[in-house]
Structure formats: C-alpha cells, structure tokens
Amino acid sequence: RAEQEGREPKEITDIYHELIGNDLKNADISLD
C-alpha cells in the first residue's frame, strides 16, 4: 500500500495506530 500511494509504510501505521487506539479506548477496552 505504501508503494502504491508513494508513502513510507510508517506514515500509514502512524495514522492507524492512533485510530485503532481511539476505537479500543472508546469501546472501554481496559488495556494496561
């Protein structure tokens, strides 16, 4: 995906790490 979009892979994972974290927080998943 990164190659097809002309981006670095970590640019993609930076975005989704935050989005996934927010989803889990908002669903009250009590991760340590």
Full PDB file with SEQRES, HELIX, SHEET, SSBOND, CRYST1, ORIGX, SCALE, CONECT and MASTER records, all heavy atoms in Angstrom:
SEQRES   1 A   32  ARG ALA GLU GLN GLU GLY ARG GLU PRO LYS GLU ILE THR          
SEQRES   2 A   32  ASP ILE TYR HIS GLU LEU ILE GLY ASN ASP LEU LYS ASN          
SEQRES   3 A   32  ALA ASP ILE SER LEU ASP                                      
HELIX    1 AA1 ALA A    2  GLU A    5  1                                   4    
HELIX    2 AA2 PRO A    9  ASN A   26  1                                  18    
CRYST1    1.000    1.000    1.000  90.00  90.00  90.00 P 1           1          
ORIGX1      1.000000  0.000000  0.000000        0.00000                         
ORIGX2      0.000000  1.000000  0.000000        0.00000                         
ORIGX3      0.000000  0.000000  1.000000        0.00000                         
SCALE1      1.000000  0.000000  0.000000        0.00000                         
SCALE2      0.000000  1.000000  0.000000        0.00000                         
SCALE3      0.000000  0.000000  1.000000        0.00000                         
ATOM      1  N   ARG A   1       0.832  -1.212   0.000  1.00  0.00           N  
ATOM      2  CA  ARG A   1       0.000   0.000   0.000  1.00  0.00           C  
ATOM      3  C   ARG A   1       0.862   1.254   0.000  1.00  0.00           C  
ATOM      4  O   ARG A   1       0.574   2.217  -0.716  1.00  0.00           O  
ATOM      5  CB  ARG A   1      -0.926  -0.013   1.214  1.00  0.00           C  
ATOM      6  CG  ARG A   1      -1.782   1.232   1.330  1.00  0.00           C  
ATOM      7  CD  ARG A   1      -2.759   1.143   2.483  1.00  0.00           C  
ATOM      8  NE  ARG A   1      -3.477   2.390   2.661  1.00  0.00           N  
ATOM      9  CZ  ARG A   1      -4.400   2.582   3.593  1.00  0.00           C  
ATOM     10  NH1 ARG A   1      -4.719   1.604   4.417  1.00  0.00           N  
ATOM     11  NH2 ARG A   1      -5.012   3.747   3.702  1.00  0.00           N  
ATOM     12  N   ALA A   2       1.920   1.250   0.796  1.00  0.00           N  
ATOM     13  CA  ALA A   2       2.804   2.419   0.865  1.00  0.00           C  
ATOM     14  C   ALA A   2       3.430   2.695  -0.499  1.00  0.00           C  
ATOM     15  O   ALA A   2       3.503   3.856  -0.936  1.00  0.00           O  
ATOM     16  CB  ALA A   2       3.880   2.190   1.922  1.00  0.00           C  
ATOM     17  N   GLU A   3       3.883   1.642  -1.188  1.00  0.00           N  
ATOM     18  CA  GLU A   3       4.476   1.837  -2.507  1.00  0.00           C  
ATOM     19  C   GLU A   3       3.449   2.376  -3.495  1.00  0.00           C  
ATOM     20  O   GLU A   3       3.749   3.259  -4.301  1.00  0.00           O  
ATOM     21  CB  GLU A   3       5.055   0.521  -3.018  1.00  0.00           C  
ATOM     22  CG  GLU A   3       6.360   0.129  -2.347  1.00  0.00           C  
ATOM     23  CD  GLU A   3       7.100  -0.937  -3.122  1.00  0.00           C  
ATOM     24  OE1 GLU A   3       7.306  -0.744  -4.338  1.00  0.00           O  
ATOM     25  OE2 GLU A   3       7.472  -1.956  -2.509  1.00  0.00           O  
ATOM     26  N   GLN A   4       2.248   1.826  -3.442  1.00  0.00           N  
ATOM     27  CA  GLN A   4       1.213   2.264  -4.377  1.00  0.00           C  
ATOM     28  C   GLN A   4       0.804   3.716  -4.137  1.00  0.00           C  
ATOM     29  O   GLN A   4       0.429   4.423  -5.069  1.00  0.00           O  
ATOM     30  CB  GLN A   4      -0.004   1.350  -4.268  1.00  0.00           C  
ATOM     31  CG  GLN A   4       0.259  -0.070  -4.775  1.00  0.00           C  
ATOM     32  CD  GLN A   4      -0.892  -1.012  -4.511  1.00  0.00           C  
ATOM     33  OE1 GLN A   4      -1.656  -0.842  -3.557  1.00  0.00           O  
ATOM     34  NE2 GLN A   4      -1.031  -2.033  -5.349  1.00  0.00           N  
ATOM     35  N   GLU A   5       0.888   4.158  -2.881  1.00  0.00           N  
ATOM     36  CA  GLU A   5       0.490   5.525  -2.539  1.00  0.00           C  
ATOM     37  C   GLU A   5       1.669   6.486  -2.500  1.00  0.00           C  
ATOM     38  O   GLU A   5       1.482   7.679  -2.240  1.00  0.00           O  
ATOM     39  CB  GLU A   5      -0.227   5.529  -1.184  1.00  0.00           C  
ATOM     40  CG  GLU A   5      -1.538   4.754  -1.192  1.00  0.00           C  
ATOM     41  CD  GLU A   5      -2.219   4.739   0.173  1.00  0.00           C  
ATOM     42  OE1 GLU A   5      -1.703   5.391   1.105  1.00  0.00           O  
ATOM     43  OE2 GLU A   5      -3.277   4.081   0.292  1.00  0.00           O  
ATOM     44  N   GLY A   6       2.876   5.969  -2.734  1.00  0.00           N  
ATOM     45  CA  GLY A   6       4.048   6.829  -2.728  1.00  0.00           C  
ATOM     46  C   GLY A   6       4.384   7.381  -1.358  1.00  0.00           C  
ATOM     47  O   GLY A   6       4.848   8.518  -1.227  1.00  0.00           O  
ATOM     48  N   ARG A   7       4.152   6.557  -0.322  1.00  0.00           N  
ATOM     49  CA  ARG A   7       4.437   6.996   1.055  1.00  0.00           C  
ATOM     50  C   ARG A   7       5.345   5.985   1.741  1.00  0.00           C  
ATOM     51  O   ARG A   7       5.526   4.874   1.259  1.00  0.00           O  
ATOM     52  CB  ARG A   7       3.137   7.120   1.856  1.00  0.00           C  
ATOM     53  CG  ARG A   7       2.200   8.190   1.350  1.00  0.00           C  
ATOM     54  CD  ARG A   7       1.152   8.530   2.397  1.00  0.00           C  
ATOM     55  NE  ARG A   7       0.095   7.539   2.478  1.00  0.00           N  
ATOM     56  CZ  ARG A   7      -0.882   7.573   3.390  1.00  0.00           C  
ATOM     57  NH1 ARG A   7      -0.907   8.528   4.308  1.00  0.00           N  
ATOM     58  NH2 ARG A   7      -1.831   6.652   3.395  1.00  0.00           N  
ATOM     59  N   GLU A   8       5.875   6.388   2.885  1.00  0.00           N  
ATOM     60  CA  GLU A   8       6.618   5.467   3.718  1.00  0.00           C  
ATOM     61  C   GLU A   8       5.624   4.614   4.519  1.00  0.00           C  
ATOM     62  O   GLU A   8       4.582   5.125   4.948  1.00  0.00           O  
ATOM     63  CB  GLU A   8       7.545   6.219   4.678  1.00  0.00           C  
ATOM     64  CG  GLU A   8       8.703   6.913   3.998  1.00  0.00           C  
ATOM     65  CD  GLU A   8       9.628   5.922   3.309  1.00  0.00           C  
ATOM     66  OE1 GLU A   8       9.909   4.855   3.904  1.00  0.00           O  
ATOM     67  OE2 GLU A   8      10.049   6.209   2.178  1.00  0.00           O  
ATOM     68  N   PRO A   9       5.925   3.344   4.745  1.00  0.00           N  
ATOM     69  CA  PRO A   9       4.993   2.492   5.497  1.00  0.00           C  
ATOM     70  C   PRO A   9       4.617   3.061   6.862  1.00  0.00           C  
ATOM     71  O   PRO A   9       3.460   2.973   7.275  1.00  0.00           O  
ATOM     72  CB  PRO A   9       5.766   1.177   5.635  1.00  0.00           C  
ATOM     73  CG  PRO A   9       6.682   1.155   4.465  1.00  0.00           C  
ATOM     74  CD  PRO A   9       7.089   2.579   4.234  1.00  0.00           C  
ATOM     75  N   LYS A  10       5.583   3.663   7.546  1.00  0.00           N  
ATOM     76  CA  LYS A  10       5.291   4.155   8.902  1.00  0.00           C  
ATOM     77  C   LYS A  10       4.338   5.346   8.888  1.00  0.00           C  
ATOM     78  O   LYS A  10       3.659   5.615   9.877  1.00  0.00           O  
ATOM     79  CB  LYS A  10       6.566   4.507   9.651  1.00  0.00           C  
ATOM     80  CG  LYS A  10       6.349   4.623  11.164  1.00  0.00           C  
ATOM     81  CD  LYS A  10       7.636   4.546  11.944  1.00  0.00           C  
ATOM     82  CE  LYS A  10       7.357   4.593  13.449  1.00  0.00           C  
ATOM     83  NZ  LYS A  10       6.687   5.817  13.864  1.00  0.00           N  
ATOM     84  N   GLU A  11       4.263   6.062   7.773  1.00  0.00           N  
ATOM     85  CA  GLU A  11       3.270   7.137   7.671  1.00  0.00           C  
ATOM     86  C   GLU A  11       1.861   6.549   7.783  1.00  0.00           C  
ATOM     87  O   GLU A  11       0.972   7.145   8.398  1.00  0.00           O  
ATOM     88  CB  GLU A  11       3.413   7.877   6.340  1.00  0.00           C  
ATOM     89  CG  GLU A  11       4.671   8.706   6.193  1.00  0.00           C  
ATOM     90  CD  GLU A  11       4.708   9.414   4.851  1.00  0.00           C  
ATOM     91  OE1 GLU A  11       3.777  10.182   4.565  1.00  0.00           O  
ATOM     92  OE2 GLU A  11       5.660   9.182   4.084  1.00  0.00           O  
ATOM     93  N   ILE A  12       1.685   5.372   7.187  1.00  0.00           N  
ATOM     94  CA  ILE A  12       0.382   4.701   7.249  1.00  0.00           C  
ATOM     95  C   ILE A  12       0.127   4.164   8.649  1.00  0.00           C  
ATOM     96  O   ILE A  12      -0.951   4.362   9.223  1.00  0.00           O  
ATOM     97  CB  ILE A  12       0.324   3.561   6.213  1.00  0.00           C  
ATOM     98  CG1 ILE A  12       0.395   4.139   4.799  1.00  0.00           C  
ATOM     99  CG2 ILE A  12      -0.946   2.731   6.393  1.00  0.00           C  
ATOM    100  CD1 ILE A  12       0.542   3.100   3.716  1.00  0.00           C  
ATOM    101  N   THR A  13       1.114   3.494   9.216  1.00  0.00           N  
ATOM    102  CA  THR A  13       0.903   2.874  10.532  1.00  0.00           C  
ATOM    103  C   THR A  13       0.758   3.916  11.639  1.00  0.00           C  
ATOM    104  O   THR A  13       0.068   3.661  12.629  1.00  0.00           O  
ATOM    105  CB  THR A  13       2.037   1.895  10.867  1.00  0.00           C  
ATOM    106  OG1 THR A  13       3.279   2.590  10.942  1.00  0.00           O  
ATOM    107  CG2 THR A  13       2.138   0.800   9.815  1.00  0.00           C  
ATOM    108  N   ASP A  14       1.382   5.072  11.482  1.00  0.00           N  
ATOM    109  CA  ASP A  14       1.197   6.139  12.473  1.00  0.00           C  
ATOM    110  C   ASP A  14      -0.271   6.542  12.564  1.00  0.00           C  
ATOM    111  O   ASP A  14      -0.817   6.745  13.658  1.00  0.00           O  
ATOM    112  CB  ASP A  14       2.031   7.376  12.099  1.00  0.00           C  
ATOM    113  CG  ASP A  14       3.504   7.209  12.394  1.00  0.00           C  
ATOM    114  OD1 ASP A  14       3.862   6.275  13.138  1.00  0.00           O  
ATOM    115  OD2 ASP A  14       4.308   8.008  11.875  1.00  0.00           O  
ATOM    116  N   ILE A  15      -0.893   6.655  11.408  1.00  0.00           N  
ATOM    117  CA  ILE A  15      -2.310   7.068  11.356  1.00  0.00           C  
ATOM    118  C   ILE A  15      -3.195   6.024  12.029  1.00  0.00           C  
ATOM    119  O   ILE A  15      -4.030   6.334  12.891  1.00  0.00           O  
ATOM    120  CB  ILE A  15      -2.751   7.286   9.899  1.00  0.00           C  
ATOM    121  CG1 ILE A  15      -2.017   8.493   9.295  1.00  0.00           C  
ATOM    122  CG2 ILE A  15      -4.268   7.478   9.813  1.00  0.00           C  
ATOM    123  CD1 ILE A  15      -2.184   8.616   7.788  1.00  0.00           C  
ATOM    124  N   TYR A  16      -2.985   4.752  11.648  1.00  0.00           N  
ATOM    125  CA  TYR A  16      -3.908   3.720  12.123  1.00  0.00           C  
ATOM    126  C   TYR A  16      -3.628   3.278  13.552  1.00  0.00           C  
ATOM    127  O   TYR A  16      -4.543   2.797  14.227  1.00  0.00           O  
ATOM    128  CB  TYR A  16      -3.923   2.542  11.148  1.00  0.00           C  
ATOM    129  CG  TYR A  16      -4.659   2.898   9.884  1.00  0.00           C  
ATOM    130  CD1 TYR A  16      -3.981   3.091   8.685  1.00  0.00           C  
ATOM    131  CD2 TYR A  16      -6.035   3.103   9.898  1.00  0.00           C  
ATOM    132  CE1 TYR A  16      -4.662   3.454   7.531  1.00  0.00           C  
ATOM    133  CE2 TYR A  16      -6.720   3.471   8.754  1.00  0.00           C  
ATOM    134  CZ  TYR A  16      -6.026   3.640   7.581  1.00  0.00           C  
ATOM    135  OH  TYR A  16      -6.706   4.005   6.440  1.00  0.00           O  
ATOM    136  N   HIS A  17      -2.400   3.434  14.020  1.00  0.00           N  
ATOM    137  CA  HIS A  17      -2.152   3.157  15.433  1.00  0.00           C  
ATOM    138  C   HIS A  17      -3.017   4.072  16.301  1.00  0.00           C  
ATOM    139  O   HIS A  17      -3.622   3.623  17.289  1.00  0.00           O  
ATOM    140  CB  HIS A  17      -0.677   3.356  15.772  1.00  0.00           C  
ATOM    141  CG  HIS A  17      -0.386   3.237  17.231  1.00  0.00           C  
ATOM    142  ND1 HIS A  17      -0.308   2.027  17.888  1.00  0.00           N  
ATOM    143  CD2 HIS A  17      -0.195   4.191  18.194  1.00  0.00           C  
ATOM    144  CE1 HIS A  17      -0.064   2.225  19.171  1.00  0.00           C  
ATOM    145  NE2 HIS A  17       0.011   3.527  19.382  1.00  0.00           N  
ATOM    146  N   GLU A  18      -3.086   5.323  15.924  1.00  0.00           N  
ATOM    147  CA  GLU A  18      -3.896   6.268  16.700  1.00  0.00           C  
ATOM    148  C   GLU A  18      -5.384   5.961  16.567  1.00  0.00           C  
ATOM    149  O   GLU A  18      -6.125   5.968  17.560  1.00  0.00           O  
ATOM    150  CB  GLU A  18      -3.613   7.697  16.238  1.00  0.00           C  
ATOM    151  CG  GLU A  18      -4.373   8.747  17.031  1.00  0.00           C  
ATOM    152  CD  GLU A  18      -4.025  10.185  16.646  1.00  0.00           C  
ATOM    153  OE1 GLU A  18      -3.149  10.370  15.773  1.00  0.00           O  
ATOM    154  OE2 GLU A  18      -4.631  11.117  17.213  1.00  0.00           O  
ATOM    155  N   LEU A  19      -5.833   5.679  15.337  1.00  0.00           N  
ATOM    156  CA  LEU A  19      -7.255   5.393  15.123  1.00  0.00           C  
ATOM    157  C   LEU A  19      -7.687   4.139  15.873  1.00  0.00           C  
ATOM    158  O   LEU A  19      -8.739   4.119  16.521  1.00  0.00           O  
ATOM    159  CB  LEU A  19      -7.539   5.218  13.625  1.00  0.00           C  
ATOM    160  CG  LEU A  19      -7.520   6.469  12.759  1.00  0.00           C  
ATOM    161  CD1 LEU A  19      -7.730   6.108  11.295  1.00  0.00           C  
ATOM    162  CD2 LEU A  19      -8.596   7.449  13.207  1.00  0.00           C  
ATOM    163  N   ILE A  20      -6.887   3.092  15.796  1.00  0.00           N  
ATOM    164  CA  ILE A  20      -7.220   1.832  16.480  1.00  0.00           C  
ATOM    165  C   ILE A  20      -7.229   2.042  17.985  1.00  0.00           C  
ATOM    166  O   ILE A  20      -8.122   1.555  18.692  1.00  0.00           O  
ATOM    167  CB  ILE A  20      -6.221   0.731  16.082  1.00  0.00           C  
ATOM    168  CG1 ILE A  20      -6.415   0.353  14.615  1.00  0.00           C  
ATOM    169  CG2 ILE A  20      -6.382  -0.498  16.976  1.00  0.00           C  
ATOM    170  CD1 ILE A  20      -5.301  -0.501  14.040  1.00  0.00           C  
ATOM    171  N   GLY A  21      -6.235   2.775  18.489  1.00  0.00           N  
ATOM    172  CA  GLY A  21      -6.187   3.061  19.920  1.00  0.00           C  
ATOM    173  C   GLY A  21      -7.433   3.790  20.395  1.00  0.00           C  
ATOM    174  O   GLY A  21      -7.999   3.460  21.445  1.00  0.00           O  
ATOM    175  N   ASN A  22      -7.883   4.765  19.611  1.00  0.00           N  
ATOM    176  CA  ASN A  22      -9.099   5.504  19.978  1.00  0.00           C  
ATOM    177  C   ASN A  22     -10.331   4.608  19.947  1.00  0.00           C  
ATOM    178  O   ASN A  22     -11.213   4.714  20.811  1.00  0.00           O  
ATOM    179  CB  ASN A  22      -9.293   6.699  19.036  1.00  0.00           C  
ATOM    180  CG  ASN A  22      -8.276   7.798  19.277  1.00  0.00           C  
ATOM    181  OD1 ASN A  22      -7.720   7.915  20.372  1.00  0.00           O  
ATOM    182  ND2 ASN A  22      -8.024   8.605  18.269  1.00  0.00           N  
ATOM    183  N   ASP A  23     -10.398   3.723  18.957  1.00  0.00           N  
ATOM    184  CA  ASP A  23     -11.538   2.797  18.882  1.00  0.00           C  
ATOM    185  C   ASP A  23     -11.603   1.917  20.129  1.00  0.00           C  
ATOM    186  O   ASP A  23     -12.680   1.722  20.713  1.00  0.00           O  
ATOM    187  CB  ASP A  23     -11.415   1.903  17.644  1.00  0.00           C  
ATOM    188  CG  ASP A  23     -11.699   2.640  16.349  1.00  0.00           C  
ATOM    189  OD1 ASP A  23     -12.315   3.714  16.402  1.00  0.00           O  
ATOM    190  OD2 ASP A  23     -11.293   2.135  15.285  1.00  0.00           O  
ATOM    191  N   LEU A  24     -10.464   1.376  20.542  1.00  0.00           N  
ATOM    192  CA  LEU A  24     -10.437   0.484  21.698  1.00  0.00           C  
ATOM    193  C   LEU A  24     -10.723   1.242  22.990  1.00  0.00           C  
ATOM    194  O   LEU A  24     -11.423   0.738  23.877  1.00  0.00           O  
ATOM    195  CB  LEU A  24      -9.096  -0.234  21.773  1.00  0.00           C  
ATOM    196  CG  LEU A  24      -8.759  -1.159  20.591  1.00  0.00           C  
ATOM    197  CD1 LEU A  24      -7.380  -1.783  20.757  1.00  0.00           C  
ATOM    198  CD2 LEU A  24      -9.821  -2.244  20.427  1.00  0.00           C  
ATOM    199  N   LYS A  25     -10.202   2.448  23.102  1.00  0.00           N  
ATOM    200  CA  LYS A  25     -10.494   3.266  24.288  1.00  0.00           C  
ATOM    201  C   LYS A  25     -11.986   3.568  24.382  1.00  0.00           C  
ATOM    202  O   LYS A  25     -12.602   3.422  25.446  1.00  0.00           O  
ATOM    203  CB  LYS A  25      -9.726   4.584  24.221  1.00  0.00           C  
ATOM    204  CG  LYS A  25      -8.237   4.496  24.472  1.00  0.00           C  
ATOM    205  CD  LYS A  25      -7.594   5.873  24.307  1.00  0.00           C  
ATOM    206  CE  LYS A  25      -6.089   5.811  24.424  1.00  0.00           C  
ATOM    207  NZ  LYS A  25      -5.465   7.140  24.152  1.00  0.00           N  
ATOM    208  N   ASN A  26     -12.571   3.972  23.263  1.00  0.00           N  
ATOM    209  CA  ASN A  26     -13.984   4.366  23.264  1.00  0.00           C  
ATOM    210  C   ASN A  26     -14.920   3.192  23.488  1.00  0.00           C  
ATOM    211  O   ASN A  26     -16.071   3.375  23.894  1.00  0.00           O  
ATOM    212  CB  ASN A  26     -14.324   5.077  21.955  1.00  0.00           C  
ATOM    213  CG  ASN A  26     -13.608   6.405  21.815  1.00  0.00           C  
ATOM    214  OD1 ASN A  26     -13.248   7.046  22.815  1.00  0.00           O  
ATOM    215  ND2 ASN A  26     -13.375   6.850  20.589  1.00  0.00           N  
ATOM    216  N   ALA A  27     -14.429   1.980  23.220  1.00  0.00           N  
ATOM    217  CA  ALA A  27     -15.224   0.778  23.488  1.00  0.00           C  
ATOM    218  C   ALA A  27     -14.980   0.251  24.902  1.00  0.00           C  
ATOM    219  O   ALA A  27     -15.452  -0.826  25.253  1.00  0.00           O  
ATOM    220  CB  ALA A  27     -14.902  -0.306  22.462  1.00  0.00           C  
ATOM    221  N   ASP A  28     -14.230   1.024  25.713  1.00  0.00           N  
ATOM    222  CA  ASP A  28     -13.956   0.681  27.119  1.00  0.00           C  
ATOM    223  C   ASP A  28     -13.184  -0.628  27.264  1.00  0.00           C  
ATOM    224  O   ASP A  28     -13.456  -1.432  28.157  1.00  0.00           O  
ATOM    225  CB  ASP A  28     -15.259   0.625  27.931  1.00  0.00           C  
ATOM    226  CG  ASP A  28     -15.912   1.990  28.038  1.00  0.00           C  
ATOM    227  OD1 ASP A  28     -15.181   2.987  28.181  1.00  0.00           O  
ATOM    228  OD2 ASP A  28     -17.152   2.071  27.971  1.00  0.00           O  
ATOM    229  N   ILE A  29     -12.209  -0.831  26.382  1.00  0.00           N  
ATOM    230  CA  ILE A  29     -11.307  -1.970  26.498  1.00  0.00           C  
ATOM    231  C   ILE A  29     -10.162  -1.543  27.409  1.00  0.00           C  
ATOM    232  O   ILE A  29      -9.339  -0.703  27.045  1.00  0.00           O  
ATOM    233  CB  ILE A  29     -10.775  -2.413  25.118  1.00  0.00           C  
ATOM    234  CG1 ILE A  29     -11.946  -2.607  24.142  1.00  0.00           C  
ATOM    235  CG2 ILE A  29      -9.938  -3.667  25.256  1.00  0.00           C  
ATOM    236  CD1 ILE A  29     -12.984  -3.611  24.578  1.00  0.00           C  
ATOM    237  N   SER A  30     -10.095  -2.126  28.603  1.00  0.00           N  
ATOM    238  CA  SER A  30      -9.223  -1.615  29.667  1.00  0.00           C  
ATOM    239  C   SER A  30      -7.797  -2.162  29.565  1.00  0.00           C  
ATOM    240  O   SER A  30      -7.289  -2.812  30.487  1.00  0.00           O  
ATOM    241  CB  SER A  30      -9.822  -1.941  31.040  1.00  0.00           C  
ATOM    242  OG  SER A  30     -10.004  -3.338  31.188  1.00  0.00           O  
ATOM    243  N   LEU A  31      -7.146  -1.908  28.431  1.00  0.00           N  
ATOM    244  CA  LEU A  31      -5.774  -2.366  28.237  1.00  0.00           C  
ATOM    245  C   LEU A  31      -4.830  -1.686  29.219  1.00  0.00           C  
ATOM    246  O   LEU A  31      -4.923  -0.486  29.469  1.00  0.00           O  
ATOM    247  CB  LEU A  31      -5.315  -2.065  26.813  1.00  0.00           C  
ATOM    248  CG  LEU A  31      -5.949  -2.885  25.686  1.00  0.00           C  
ATOM    249  CD1 LEU A  31      -5.615  -2.276  24.331  1.00  0.00           C  
ATOM    250  CD2 LEU A  31      -5.486  -4.333  25.755  1.00  0.00           C  
ATOM    251  N   ASP A  32      -3.887  -2.471  29.734  1.00  0.00           N  
ATOM    252  CA  ASP A  32      -2.818  -1.899  30.551  1.00  0.00           C  
ATOM    253  C   ASP A  32      -1.704  -1.347  29.676  1.00  0.00           C  
ATOM    254  O   ASP A  32      -1.029  -0.389  30.047  1.00  0.00           O  
ATOM    255  CB  ASP A  32      -2.232  -2.971  31.482  1.00  0.00           C  
ATOM    256  CG  ASP A  32      -3.230  -3.427  32.534  1.00  0.00           C  
ATOM    257  OD1 ASP A  32      -3.365  -2.736  33.548  1.00  0.00           O  
ATOM    258  OD2 ASP A  32      -3.881  -4.455  32.318  1.00  0.00           O  
TER     259      ASP A  32                                                      
MASTER        0    0    0    2    0    0    0    6  258    1    0    3          
END                                                                             
